[in-house]
PDB file of N, CA and C in Angstrom:
ATOM      1  N   MET A   1     132.432  99.047 120.472  1.00  0.00           N
ATOM      2  CA  MET A   1     131.888  98.102 119.542  1.00  0.00           C
ATOM      3  C   MET A   1     133.020  97.107 119.170  1.00  0.00           C
ATOM      4  N   GLU A   2     132.649  95.868 118.934  1.00  0.00           N
ATOM      5  CA  GLU A   2     133.581  94.821 118.611  1.00  0.00           C
ATOM      6  C   GLU A   2     133.934  94.891 117.116  1.00  0.00           C
ATOM      7  N   THR A   3     135.142  94.457 116.838  1.00  0.00           N
ATOM      8  CA  THR A   3     135.582  94.306 115.472  1.00  0.00           C
ATOM      9  C   THR A   3     135.060  92.996 114.919  1.00  0.00           C
ATOM     10  N   LEU A   4     134.549  92.971 113.709  1.00  0.00           N
ATOM     11  CA  LEU A   4     134.008  91.797 113.066  1.00  0.00           C
ATOM     12  C   LEU A   4     135.151  90.968 112.457  1.00  0.00           C
ATOM     13  N   PRO A   5     134.943  89.648 112.318  1.00  0.00           N
ATOM     14  CA  PRO A   5     135.952  88.851 111.649  1.00  0.00           C
ATOM     15  C   PRO A   5     136.139  89.314 110.185  1.00  0.00           C
ATOM     16  N   ARG A   6     137.286  88.971 109.610  1.00  0.00           N
ATOM     17  CA  ARG A   6     137.607  89.380 108.273  1.00  0.00           C
ATOM     18  C   ARG A   6     136.542  88.830 107.302  1.00  0.00           C
ATOM     19  N   GLY A   7     136.437  89.494 106.160  1.00  0.00           N
ATOM     20  CA  GLY A   7     135.465  89.138 105.186  1.00  0.00           C
ATOM     21  C   GLY A   7     134.767  90.434 104.813  1.00  0.00           C
ATOM     22  N   ASP A   8     134.057  90.430 103.696  1.00  0.00           N
ATOM     23  CA  ASP A   8     133.338  91.627 103.289  1.00  0.00           C
ATOM     24  C   ASP A   8     131.885  91.507 103.722  1.00  0.00           C
ATOM     25  N   TYR A   9     131.361  92.593 104.284  1.00  0.00           N
ATOM     26  CA  TYR A   9     130.011  92.645 104.785  1.00  0.00           C
ATOM     27  C   TYR A   9     129.295  93.818 104.189  1.00  0.00           C
ATOM     28  N   LYS A  10     128.016  93.629 103.875  1.00  0.00           N
ATOM     29  CA  LYS A  10     127.125  94.714 103.519  1.00  0.00           C
ATOM     30  C   LYS A  10     125.997  94.658 104.549  1.00  0.00           C
ATOM     31  N   ILE A  11     125.819  95.773 105.231  1.00  0.00           N
ATOM     32  CA  ILE A  11     124.831  95.843 106.302  1.00  0.00           C
ATOM     33  C   ILE A  11     123.797  96.943 105.937  1.00  0.00           C
ATOM     34  N   ALA A  12     122.538  96.584 106.019  1.00  0.00           N
ATOM     35  CA  ALA A  12     121.453  97.540 105.830  1.00  0.00           C
ATOM     36  C   ALA A  12     120.790  97.768 107.169  1.00  0.00           C
ATOM     37  N   ILE A  13     120.647  99.009 107.539  1.00  0.00           N
ATOM     38  CA  ILE A  13     119.945  99.394 108.774  1.00  0.00           C
ATOM     39  C   ILE A  13     118.646 100.103 108.410  1.00  0.00           C
ATOM     40  N   TYR A  14     117.550  99.615 108.935  1.00  0.00           N
ATOM     41  CA  TYR A  14     116.260 100.271 108.689  1.00  0.00           C
ATOM     42  C   TYR A  14     115.845 100.949 110.001  1.00  0.00           C
ATOM     43  N   MET A  15     115.642 102.273 109.901  1.00  0.00           N
ATOM     44  CA  MET A  15     115.417 103.085 111.096  1.00  0.00           C
ATOM     45  C   MET A  15     114.155 103.913 110.925  1.00  0.00           C
ATOM     46  N   SER A  16     113.414 104.093 112.068  1.00  0.00           N
ATOM     47  CA  SER A  16     112.315 105.026 112.057  1.00  0.00           C
ATOM     48  C   SER A  16     112.803 106.472 111.911  1.00  0.00           C
ATOM     49  N   TRP A  17     113.916 106.775 112.558  1.00  0.00           N
ATOM     50  CA  TRP A  17     114.438 108.142 112.550  1.00  0.00           C
ATOM     51  C   TRP A  17     115.937 108.031 112.098  1.00  0.00           C
ATOM     52  N   SER A  18     116.378 109.081 111.465  1.00  0.00           N
ATOM     53  CA  SER A  18     117.820 109.137 111.124  1.00  0.00           C
ATOM     54  C   SER A  18     118.611 109.183 112.415  1.00  0.00           C
ATOM     55  N   PRO A  19     119.849 108.739 112.358  1.00  0.00           N
ATOM     56  CA  PRO A  19     120.654 108.735 113.589  1.00  0.00           C
ATOM     57  C   PRO A  19     120.988 110.138 114.107  1.00  0.00           C
ATOM     58  N   CYS A  20     121.023 110.276 115.401  1.00  0.00           N
ATOM     59  CA  CYS A  20     121.473 111.556 116.005  1.00  0.00           C
ATOM     60  C   CYS A  20     122.974 111.730 115.848  1.00  0.00           C
ATOM     61  N   TYR A  21     123.506 112.842 116.250  1.00  0.00           N
ATOM     62  CA  TYR A  21     124.976 113.079 116.062  1.00  0.00           C
ATOM     63  C   TYR A  21     125.799 112.023 116.784  1.00  0.00           C
ATOM     64  N   ALA A  22     125.477 111.703 118.033  1.00  0.00           N
ATOM     65  CA  ALA A  22     126.271 110.743 118.818  1.00  0.00           C
ATOM     66  C   ALA A  22     126.248 109.364 118.167  1.00  0.00           C
ATOM     67  N   CYS A  23     125.088 108.964 117.660  1.00  0.00           N
ATOM     68  CA  CYS A  23     124.958 107.659 117.000  1.00  0.00           C
ATOM     69  C   CYS A  23     125.756 107.669 115.704  1.00  0.00           C
ATOM     70  N   SER A  24     125.674 108.739 114.955  1.00  0.00           N
ATOM     71  CA  SER A  24     126.422 108.864 113.726  1.00  0.00           C
ATOM     72  C   SER A  24     127.891 108.730 113.943  1.00  0.00           C
ATOM     73  N   GLU A  25     128.397 109.379 115.016  1.00  0.00           N
ATOM     74  CA  GLU A  25     129.802 109.306 115.308  1.00  0.00           C
ATOM     75  C   GLU A  25     130.212 107.896 115.708  1.00  0.00           C
ATOM     76  N   GLN A  26     129.355 107.195 116.455  1.00  0.00           N
ATOM     77  CA  GLN A  26     129.643 105.786 116.794  1.00  0.00           C
ATOM     78  C   GLN A  26     129.733 104.917 115.551  1.00  0.00           C
ATOM     79  N   LEU A  27     128.810 105.132 114.628  1.00  0.00           N
ATOM     80  CA  LEU A  27     128.824 104.356 113.392  1.00  0.00           C
ATOM     81  C   LEU A  27     130.086 104.684 112.546  1.00  0.00           C
ATOM     82  N   VAL A  28     130.461 105.936 112.491  1.00  0.00           N
ATOM     83  CA  VAL A  28     131.686 106.301 111.751  1.00  0.00           C
ATOM     84  C   VAL A  28     132.882 105.626 112.347  1.00  0.00           C
ATOM     85  N   GLN A  29     132.966 105.652 113.691  1.00  0.00           N
ATOM     86  CA  GLN A  29     134.094 105.005 114.388  1.00  0.00           C
ATOM     87  C   GLN A  29     134.093 103.485 114.076  1.00  0.00           C
ATOM     88  N   PHE A  30     132.951 102.863 114.119  1.00  0.00           N
ATOM     89  CA  PHE A  30     132.825 101.437 113.825  1.00  0.00           C
ATOM     90  C   PHE A  30     133.341 101.153 112.391  1.00  0.00           C
ATOM     91  N   LEU A  31     132.958 102.000 111.482  1.00  0.00           N
ATOM     92  CA  LEU A  31     133.397 101.782 110.105  1.00  0.00           C
ATOM     93  C   LEU A  31     134.881 101.996 109.944  1.00  0.00           C
ATOM     94  N   GLN A  32     135.437 102.930 110.684  1.00  0.00           N
ATOM     95  CA  GLN A  32     136.908 103.161 110.628  1.00  0.00           C
ATOM     96  C   GLN A  32     137.656 101.946 111.133  1.00  0.00           C
ATOM     97  N   GLU A  33     137.078 101.261 112.119  1.00  0.00           N
ATOM     98  CA  GLU A  33     137.708 100.064 112.685  1.00  0.00           C
ATOM     99  C   GLU A  33     137.441  98.831 111.888  1.00  0.00           C
ATOM    100  N   ASN A  34     136.513  98.899 110.940  1.00  0.00           N
ATOM    101  CA  ASN A  34     136.060  97.733 110.168  1.00  0.00           C
ATOM    102  C   ASN A  34     135.945  98.135 108.675  1.00  0.00           C
ATOM    103  N   SER A  35     137.098  98.235 108.032  1.00  0.00           N
ATOM    104  CA  SER A  35     137.092  98.706 106.668  1.00  0.00           C
ATOM    105  C   SER A  35     136.436  97.717 105.696  1.00  0.00           C
ATOM    106  N   ASN A  36     136.103  96.562 106.166  1.00  0.00           N
ATOM    107  CA  ASN A  36     135.453  95.547 105.318  1.00  0.00           C
ATOM    108  C   ASN A  36     133.934  95.612 105.333  1.00  0.00           C
ATOM    109  N   ILE A  37     133.415  96.705 105.883  1.00  0.00           N
ATOM    110  CA  ILE A  37     131.974  96.875 106.014  1.00  0.00           C
ATOM    111  C   ILE A  37     131.461  97.944 105.045  1.00  0.00           C
ATOM    112  N   GLU A  38     130.373  97.667 104.348  1.00  0.00           N
ATOM    113  CA  GLU A  38     129.696  98.654 103.563  1.00  0.00           C
ATOM    114  C   GLU A  38     128.352  98.836 104.203  1.00  0.00           C
ATOM    115  N   LEU A  39     127.981 100.057 104.600  1.00  0.00           N
ATOM    116  CA  LEU A  39     126.789 100.293 105.374  1.00  0.00           C
ATOM    117  C   LEU A  39     125.772 101.106 104.578  1.00  0.00           C
ATOM    118  N   PHE A  40     124.516 100.703 104.669  1.00  0.00           N
ATOM    119  CA  PHE A  40     123.387 101.366 104.061  1.00  0.00           C
ATOM    120  C   PHE A  40     122.393 101.686 105.138  1.00  0.00           C
ATOM    121  N   ILE A  41     121.916 102.952 105.221  1.00  0.00           N
ATOM    122  CA  ILE A  41     120.914 103.316 106.187  1.00  0.00           C
ATOM    123  C   ILE A  41     119.647 103.801 105.443  1.00  0.00           C
ATOM    124  N   TYR A  42     118.548 103.184 105.769  1.00  0.00           N
ATOM    125  CA  TYR A  42     117.233 103.559 105.281  1.00  0.00           C
ATOM    126  C   TYR A  42     116.443 104.054 106.473  1.00  0.00           C
ATOM    127  N   MET A  43     115.959 105.293 106.375  1.00  0.00           N
ATOM    128  CA  MET A  43     115.175 105.837 107.523  1.00  0.00           C
ATOM    129  C   MET A  43     113.898 106.472 107.015  1.00  0.00           C
ATOM    130  N   SER A  44     112.916 106.519 107.888  1.00  0.00           N
ATOM    131  CA  SER A  44     111.619 107.037 107.466  1.00  0.00           C
ATOM    132  C   SER A  44     111.466 108.524 107.754  1.00  0.00           C
ATOM    133  N   ARG A  45     112.228 109.048 108.771  1.00  0.00           N
ATOM    134  CA  ARG A  45     112.069 110.444 109.145  1.00  0.00           C
ATOM    135  C   ARG A  45     113.472 110.944 109.545  1.00  0.00           C
ATOM    136  N   LEU A  46     113.618 112.290 109.464  1.00  0.00           N
ATOM    137  CA  LEU A  46     114.855 112.943 109.894  1.00  0.00           C
ATOM    138  C   LEU A  46     114.674 113.358 111.344  1.00  0.00           C
ATOM    139  N   TYR A  47     115.601 112.905 112.191  1.00  0.00           N
ATOM    140  CA  TYR A  47     115.543 113.155 113.643  1.00  0.00           C
ATOM    141  C   TYR A  47     116.104 114.505 113.963  1.00  0.00           C
ATOM    142  N   ASN A  48     115.258 115.343 114.610  1.00  0.00           N
ATOM    143  CA  ASN A  48     115.638 116.639 115.193  1.00  0.00           C
ATOM    144  C   ASN A  48     116.617 117.370 114.276  1.00  0.00           C
ATOM    145  N   ILE A  49     116.209 117.515 113.025  1.00  0.00           N
ATOM    146  CA  ILE A  49     117.076 117.954 111.986  1.00  0.00           C
ATOM    147  C   ILE A  49     117.383 119.458 112.040  1.00  0.00           C
ATOM    148  N   ASP A  50     116.646 120.195 112.854  1.00  0.00           N
ATOM    149  CA  ASP A  50     116.964 121.606 113.032  1.00  0.00           C
ATOM    150  C   ASP A  50     118.197 121.811 113.857  1.00  0.00           C
ATOM    151  N   VAL A  51     118.690 120.767 114.536  1.00  0.00           N
ATOM    152  CA  VAL A  51     119.912 120.823 115.304  1.00  0.00           C
ATOM    153  C   VAL A  51     121.057 120.584 114.359  1.00  0.00           C
ATOM    154  N   GLN A  52     121.924 121.595 114.210  1.00  0.00           N
ATOM    155  CA  GLN A  52     123.069 121.543 113.283  1.00  0.00           C
ATOM    156  C   GLN A  52     123.924 120.286 113.510  1.00  0.00           C
ATOM    157  N   GLU A  53     124.130 119.948 114.759  1.00  0.00           N
ATOM    158  CA  GLU A  53     124.991 118.775 115.055  1.00  0.00           C
ATOM    159  C   GLU A  53     124.450 117.500 114.401  1.00  0.00           C
ATOM    160  N   ASN A  54     123.127 117.327 114.373  1.00  0.00           N
ATOM    161  CA  ASN A  54     122.553 116.129 113.767  1.00  0.00           C
ATOM    162  C   ASN A  54     122.775 116.156 112.231  1.00  0.00           C
ATOM    163  N   GLN A  55     122.717 117.326 111.621  1.00  0.00           N
ATOM    164  CA  GLN A  55     123.036 117.428 110.209  1.00  0.00           C
ATOM    165  C   GLN A  55     124.496 117.095 109.974  1.00  0.00           C
ATOM    166  N   ASP A  56     125.368 117.591 110.822  1.00  0.00           N
ATOM    167  CA  ASP A  56     126.800 117.275 110.700  1.00  0.00           C
ATOM    168  C   ASP A  56     127.036 115.782 110.814  1.00  0.00           C
ATOM    169  N   GLY A  57     126.291 115.132 111.713  1.00  0.00           N
ATOM    170  CA  GLY A  57     126.448 113.673 111.867  1.00  0.00           C
ATOM    171  C   GLY A  57     126.057 112.974 110.589  1.00  0.00           C
ATOM    172  N   LEU A  58     125.007 113.364 109.921  1.00  0.00           N
ATOM    173  CA  LEU A  58     124.645 112.761 108.651  1.00  0.00           C
ATOM    174  C   LEU A  58     125.677 112.945 107.611  1.00  0.00           C
ATOM    175  N   ARG A  59     126.263 114.139 107.556  1.00  0.00           N
ATOM    176  CA  ARG A  59     127.341 114.400 106.591  1.00  0.00           C
ATOM    177  C   ARG A  59     128.558 113.563 106.891  1.00  0.00           C
ATOM    178  N   SER A  60     128.847 113.374 108.201  1.00  0.00           N
ATOM    179  CA  SER A  60     130.024 112.549 108.520  1.00  0.00           C
ATOM    180  C   SER A  60     129.810 111.072 108.115  1.00  0.00           C
ATOM    181  N   LEU A  61     128.567 110.605 108.220  1.00  0.00           N
ATOM    182  CA  LEU A  61     128.237 109.264 107.716  1.00  0.00           C
ATOM    183  C   LEU A  61     128.463 109.202 106.244  1.00  0.00           C
ATOM    184  N   ARG A  62     127.956 110.164 105.522  1.00  0.00           N
ATOM    185  CA  ARG A  62     128.143 110.201 104.060  1.00  0.00           C
ATOM    186  C   ARG A  62     129.606 110.209 103.718  1.00  0.00           C
ATOM    187  N   ASP A  63     130.404 111.027 104.426  1.00  0.00           N
ATOM    188  CA  ASP A  63     131.805 111.141 104.155  1.00  0.00           C
ATOM    189  C   ASP A  63     132.561 109.824 104.433  1.00  0.00           C
ATOM    190  N   ALA A  64     131.991 109.056 105.345  1.00  0.00           N
ATOM    191  CA  ALA A  64     132.556 107.734 105.671  1.00  0.00           C
ATOM    192  C   ALA A  64     132.132 106.646 104.732  1.00  0.00           C
ATOM    193  N   GLY A  65     131.351 107.047 103.674  1.00  0.00           N
ATOM    194  CA  GLY A  65     130.989 106.096 102.667  1.00  0.00           C
ATOM    195  C   GLY A  65     129.645 105.427 102.870  1.00  0.00           C
ATOM    196  N   VAL A  66     128.861 105.899 103.872  1.00  0.00           N
ATOM    197  CA  VAL A  66     127.548 105.317 104.145  1.00  0.00           C
ATOM    198  C   VAL A  66     126.548 105.832 103.144  1.00  0.00           C
ATOM    199  N   GLU A  67     125.747 104.929 102.590  1.00  0.00           N
ATOM    200  CA  GLU A  67     124.679 105.362 101.744  1.00  0.00           C
ATOM    201  C   GLU A  67     123.418 105.569 102.589  1.00  0.00           C
ATOM    202  N   ILE A  68     122.894 106.762 102.609  1.00  0.00           N
ATOM    203  CA  ILE A  68     121.742 107.154 103.458  1.00  0.00           C
ATOM    204  C   ILE A  68     120.589 107.527 102.538  1.00  0.00           C
ATOM    205  N   GLN A  69     119.429 106.910 102.732  1.00  0.00           N
ATOM    206  CA  GLN A  69     118.288 107.197 101.953  1.00  0.00           C
ATOM    207  C   GLN A  69     117.036 107.196 102.800  1.00  0.00           C
ATOM    208  N   ALA A  70     116.050 107.973 102.330  1.00  0.00           N
ATOM    209  CA  ALA A  70     114.725 107.896 102.911  1.00  0.00           C
ATOM    210  C   ALA A  70     114.080 106.616 102.450  1.00  0.00           C
ATOM    211  N   MET A  71     113.381 105.973 103.358  1.00  0.00           N
ATOM    212  CA  MET A  71     112.624 104.741 102.975  1.00  0.00           C
ATOM    213  C   MET A  71     111.554 105.115 101.996  1.00  0.00           C
ATOM    214  N   GLN A  72     111.436 104.275 100.960  1.00  0.00           N
ATOM    215  CA  GLN A  72     110.328 104.368 100.006  1.00  0.00           C
ATOM    216  C   GLN A  72     109.355 103.203 100.281  1.00  0.00           C
ATOM    217  N   GLU A  73     108.304 103.177  99.565  1.00  0.00           N
ATOM    218  CA  GLU A  73     107.285 102.134  99.820  1.00  0.00           C
ATOM    219  C   GLU A  73     107.868 100.751  99.839  1.00  0.00           C
ATOM    220  N   ASN A  74     108.783 100.445  98.936  1.00  0.00           N
ATOM    221  CA  ASN A  74     109.326  99.068  98.881  1.00  0.00           C
ATOM    222  C   ASN A  74     110.125  98.744 100.166  1.00  0.00           C
ATOM    223  N   GLU A  75     110.845  99.709 100.769  1.00  0.00           N
ATOM    224  CA  GLU A  75     111.562  99.461 102.024  1.00  0.00           C
ATOM    225  C   GLU A  75     110.570  99.275 103.182  1.00  0.00           C
ATOM    226  N   PHE A  76     109.505 100.103 103.194  1.00  0.00           N
ATOM    227  CA  PHE A  76     108.485  99.947 104.255  1.00  0.00           C
ATOM    228  C   PHE A  76     107.860  98.567 104.151  1.00  0.00           C
ATOM    229  N   GLU A  77     107.554  98.128 102.911  1.00  0.00           N
ATOM    230  CA  GLU A  77     106.953  96.848 102.712  1.00  0.00           C
ATOM    231  C   GLU A  77     107.885  95.703 103.127  1.00  0.00           C
ATOM    232  N   TYR A  78     109.184  95.833 102.794  1.00  0.00           N
ATOM    233  CA  TYR A  78     110.192  94.856 103.229  1.00  0.00           C
ATOM    234  C   TYR A  78     110.223  94.766 104.714  1.00  0.00           C
ATOM    235  N   CYS A  79     110.247  95.878 105.449  1.00  0.00           N
ATOM    236  CA  CYS A  79     110.289  95.864 106.896  1.00  0.00           C
ATOM    237  C   CYS A  79     108.996  95.242 107.443  1.00  0.00           C
ATOM    238  N   TRP A  80     107.893  95.547 106.821  1.00  0.00           N
ATOM    239  CA  TRP A  80     106.605  94.942 107.252  1.00  0.00           C
ATOM    240  C   TRP A  80     106.680  93.427 107.126  1.00  0.00           C
ATOM    241  N   LYS A  81     107.140  92.956 106.057  1.00  0.00           N
ATOM    242  CA  LYS A  81     107.173  91.501 105.812  1.00  0.00           C
ATOM    243  C   LYS A  81     108.183  90.795 106.668  1.00  0.00           C
ATOM    244  N   HIS A  82     109.340  91.448 106.996  1.00  0.00           N
ATOM    245  CA  HIS A  82     110.391  90.706 107.655  1.00  0.00           C
ATOM    246  C   HIS A  82     110.568  91.046 109.164  1.00  0.00           C
ATOM    247  N   PHE A  83     110.031  92.142 109.614  1.00  0.00           N
ATOM    248  CA  PHE A  83     110.245  92.564 111.000  1.00  0.00           C
ATOM    249  C   PHE A  83     108.995  92.824 111.824  1.00  0.00           C
ATOM    250  N   VAL A  84     107.809  92.728 111.231  1.00  0.00           N
ATOM    251  CA  VAL A  84     106.592  93.012 111.912  1.00  0.00           C
ATOM    252  C   VAL A  84     105.755  91.745 111.985  1.00  0.00           C
ATOM    253  N   ASN A  85     105.145  91.501 113.108  1.00  0.00           N
ATOM    254  CA  ASN A  85     104.222  90.380 113.251  1.00  0.00           C
ATOM    255  C   ASN A  85     102.897  90.789 112.618  1.00  0.00           C
ATOM    256  N   HIS A  86     102.888  90.701 111.286  1.00  0.00           N
ATOM    257  CA  HIS A  86     101.758  91.209 110.496  1.00  0.00           C
ATOM    258  C   HIS A  86     100.608  90.208 110.377  1.00  0.00           C
ATOM    259  N   GLN A  87     100.767  89.026 110.907  1.00  0.00           N
ATOM    260  CA  GLN A  87      99.717  87.992 110.934  1.00  0.00           C
ATOM    261  C   GLN A  87      99.105  87.758 109.575  1.00  0.00           C
ATOM    262  N   GLY A  88      99.967  87.802 108.555  1.00  0.00           N
ATOM    263  CA  GLY A  88      99.502  87.496 107.186  1.00  0.00           C
ATOM    264  C   GLY A  88      98.870  88.615 106.449  1.00  0.00           C
ATOM    265  N   LEU A  89      98.778  89.771 107.084  1.00  0.00           N
ATOM    266  CA  LEU A  89      98.104  90.942 106.398  1.00  0.00           C
ATOM    267  C   LEU A  89      99.140  91.592 105.457  1.00  0.00           C
ATOM    268  N   GLU A  90      98.627  92.113 104.385  1.00  0.00           N
ATOM    269  CA  GLU A  90      99.426  92.880 103.439  1.00  0.00           C
ATOM    270  C   GLU A  90      99.844  94.231 104.093  1.00  0.00           C
ATOM    271  N   PHE A  91     100.932  94.766 103.589  1.00  0.00           N
ATOM    272  CA  PHE A  91     101.362  96.084 104.062  1.00  0.00           C
ATOM    273  C   PHE A  91     100.259  97.102 103.756  1.00  0.00           C
ATOM    274  N   PRO A  92      99.762  97.795 104.787  1.00  0.00           N
ATOM    275  CA  PRO A  92      98.652  98.740 104.555  1.00  0.00           C
ATOM    276  C   PRO A  92      99.072 100.070 103.957  1.00  0.00           C
ATOM    277  N   GLY A  93     100.355 100.431 104.135  1.00  0.00           N
ATOM    278  CA  GLY A  93     100.727 101.794 103.662  1.00  0.00           C
ATOM    279  C   GLY A  93      99.908 102.855 104.316  1.00  0.00           C
ATOM    280  N   TRP A  94      99.948 104.047 103.810  1.00  0.00           N
ATOM    281  CA  TRP A  94      99.130 105.151 104.302  1.00  0.00           C
ATOM    282  C   TRP A  94      99.033 106.209 103.238  1.00  0.00           C
ATOM    283  N   ASP A  95      98.040 107.073 103.375  1.00  0.00           N
ATOM    284  CA  ASP A  95      97.914 108.150 102.424  1.00  0.00           C
ATOM    285  C   ASP A  95      99.151 109.002 102.324  1.00  0.00           C
ATOM    286  N   ASN A  96      99.500 109.336 101.134  1.00  0.00           N
ATOM    287  CA  ASN A  96     100.634 110.256 100.831  1.00  0.00           C
ATOM    288  C   ASN A  96     101.967 109.651 101.202  1.00  0.00           C
ATOM    289  N   LEU A  97     102.058 108.317 101.342  1.00  0.00           N
ATOM    290  CA  LEU A  97     103.348 107.729 101.689  1.00  0.00           C
ATOM    291  C   LEU A  97     104.439 108.064 100.704  1.00  0.00           C
ATOM    292  N   SER A  98     104.181 107.968  99.435  1.00  0.00           N
ATOM    293  CA  SER A  98     105.179 108.329  98.382  1.00  0.00           C
ATOM    294  C   SER A  98     105.612 109.745  98.479  1.00  0.00           C
ATOM    295  N   ALA A  99     104.630 110.656  98.646  1.00  0.00           N
ATOM    296  CA  ALA A  99     104.910 112.099  98.712  1.00  0.00           C
ATOM    297  C   ALA A  99     105.767 112.375  99.963  1.00  0.00           C
ATOM    298  N   GLN A 100     105.376 111.801 101.093  1.00  0.00           N
ATOM    299  CA  GLN A 100     106.158 112.036 102.355  1.00  0.00           C
ATOM    300  C   GLN A 100     107.579 111.510 102.198  1.00  0.00           C
ATOM    301  N   SER A 101     107.712 110.326 101.599  1.00  0.00           N
ATOM    302  CA  SER A 101     109.056 109.773 101.402  1.00  0.00           C
ATOM    303  C   SER A 101     109.925 110.651 100.478  1.00  0.00           C
ATOM    304  N   CYS A 102     109.315 111.159  99.450  1.00  0.00           N
ATOM    305  CA  CYS A 102     110.063 112.093  98.545  1.00  0.00           C
ATOM    306  C   CYS A 102     110.430 113.355  99.282  1.00  0.00           C
ATOM    307  N   GLU A 103     109.593 113.865 100.127  1.00  0.00           N
ATOM    308  CA  GLU A 103     109.880 115.103 100.915  1.00  0.00           C
ATOM    309  C   GLU A 103     111.067 114.831 101.837  1.00  0.00           C
ATOM    310  N   VAL A 104     111.049 113.697 102.507  1.00  0.00           N
ATOM    311  CA  VAL A 104     112.160 113.367 103.408  1.00  0.00           C
ATOM    312  C   VAL A 104     113.472 113.190 102.629  1.00  0.00           C
ATOM    313  N   GLN A 105     113.413 112.579 101.453  1.00  0.00           N
ATOM    314  CA  GLN A 105     114.581 112.374 100.649  1.00  0.00           C
ATOM    315  C   GLN A 105     115.161 113.704 100.146  1.00  0.00           C
ATOM    316  N   THR A 106     114.249 114.622  99.747  1.00  0.00           N
ATOM    317  CA  THR A 106     114.663 115.929  99.318  1.00  0.00           C
ATOM    318  C   THR A 106     115.353 116.701 100.444  1.00  0.00           C
ATOM    319  N   ASP A 107     114.745 116.661 101.655  1.00  0.00           N
ATOM    320  CA  ASP A 107     115.342 117.288 102.818  1.00  0.00           C
ATOM    321  C   ASP A 107     116.729 116.704 103.111  1.00  0.00           C
ATOM    322  N   LEU A 108     116.838 115.380 103.014  1.00  0.00           N
ATOM    323  CA  LEU A 108     118.082 114.704 103.253  1.00  0.00           C
ATOM    324  C   LEU A 108     119.133 115.149 102.248  1.00  0.00           C
ATOM    325  N   GLU A 109     118.764 115.160 100.952  1.00  0.00           N
ATOM    326  CA  GLU A 109     119.714 115.564  99.901  1.00  0.00           C
ATOM    327  C   GLU A 109     120.181 117.008 100.145  1.00  0.00           C
ATOM    328  N   ASN A 110     119.284 117.861 100.601  1.00  0.00           N
ATOM    329  CA  ASN A 110     119.681 119.288 100.894  1.00  0.00           C
ATOM    330  C   ASN A 110     120.709 119.305 102.037  1.00  0.00           C
ATOM    331  N   ILE A 111     120.548 118.485 103.000  1.00  0.00           N
ATOM    332  CA  ILE A 111     121.498 118.432 104.121  1.00  0.00           C
ATOM    333  C   ILE A 111     122.835 117.933 103.653  1.00  0.00           C
ATOM    334  N   LEU A 112     122.828 116.940 102.798  1.00  0.00           N
ATOM    335  CA  LEU A 112     124.047 116.268 102.388  1.00  0.00           C
ATOM    336  C   LEU A 112     124.802 117.032 101.294  1.00  0.00           C
ATOM    337  N   GLU A 113     124.203 118.051 100.687  1.00  0.00           N
ATOM    338  CA  GLU A 113     124.945 118.825  99.659  1.00  0.00           C
ATOM    339  C   GLU A 113     126.150 119.544 100.198  1.00  0.00           C
TER     340      GLU A 113
END
C-alpha cells in the first residue's frame, strides 16, 4: 500500500462483512505506516467469526486504534443514499434490522473484550 501525503485523514469503511485476518493485518500495517490516519469500520456482518484468526484480526485492528462497529439503520441508509443506484427510492430496510444490528454489535463487543 502507498503512503498518503501528510495531513490528517479520517477514513470510514463500510463493509458487508468484517475483514478477515489477512485484511485486518494489511490495514494494521497501513496504519502503522500512516500515523496521520484515523480509521472507522462499519460492517453489517461478522465474517467467518468461528475462526479464531479472524477474531484475532479484529482485536489487532482495535489495538491499532480502529473503531469497529456494526452498521445500524442510519449507516445502512447512508450507504443506500451514497453508494447504491436507488433510482430515487427510499431505503427499504428489512424486518428486524435493528435487532440484527444489535446482535452483531453484541457479538463484536464480546470478541473485542
